[in-house]
């Protein structure tokens, strides 16, 4: 279990005791074990960079929380989630692929395995800051508020929050977080934004090879079938060189 630094922000929401300079916000959740720090106002483009030191100083990972529902209506339930490290990413994807791929016209029915990540080229944290800054200005995360979540790594944030966005596809989001961990390692991915039914990640080293992009497209289809609205080859083209991936579930 990780120590939760959020109680230190209850009486000091600016985070000065932790060496931080947070915008106005508050701690949400039980006093002894809060769930997150949550900004009072919509995020500005520079807020991600402002919050980023909290990851190194206190193990608090920034994320943008947006959408039309108030946070109180998200039904966050971290106690219902397992631990992402208890799951193998490829096992999860292969199982989900087997349940959704057959007969849907998205390519061969055999699971193609995991895509190889390219050689690292960009700093994942810089890429996350750029995607977050853009997301606060347009799209489904416009008007989102910044939050800080205690977690071992960015990929674990949905499970740490007990987020139910993919519940019609996968009840235990920690299994999908295991995949996000693998994407962190292979593609420099970071969880940037959540809404009640969508997830946005930044990608520091997206695939450039056509064949590897096609294999990754199969991973995305297993992870979120609702988000692949074209055939896999077309979808794969959209992944080559892309700085972010967004997934949504009905």
Foldseek 3Di string as FASTA:
>chain_A
DDDAPCLVCQVPVCCVVLVAGAAAWHFADDNVHTFKTWHPWFDALCRQVRCVVCCVRPQWHKAWEFDDDDPVPQPFDLVVADALVVEALQVLLQVLLLVPVPPPQQDDSHQPTAFAADDFDFQLSVLLSVVLSVQCPDDRRPGTIMMIGRDNFQLCSCSSRNQQQAVVRPRHCSNVSNNVVVQCVRFVWGFHYDYNFKTKIFTRGFDADLVSLLSVLSSVCSSAVVVPPDHSSVVSVVRHPDGMDMHGHD
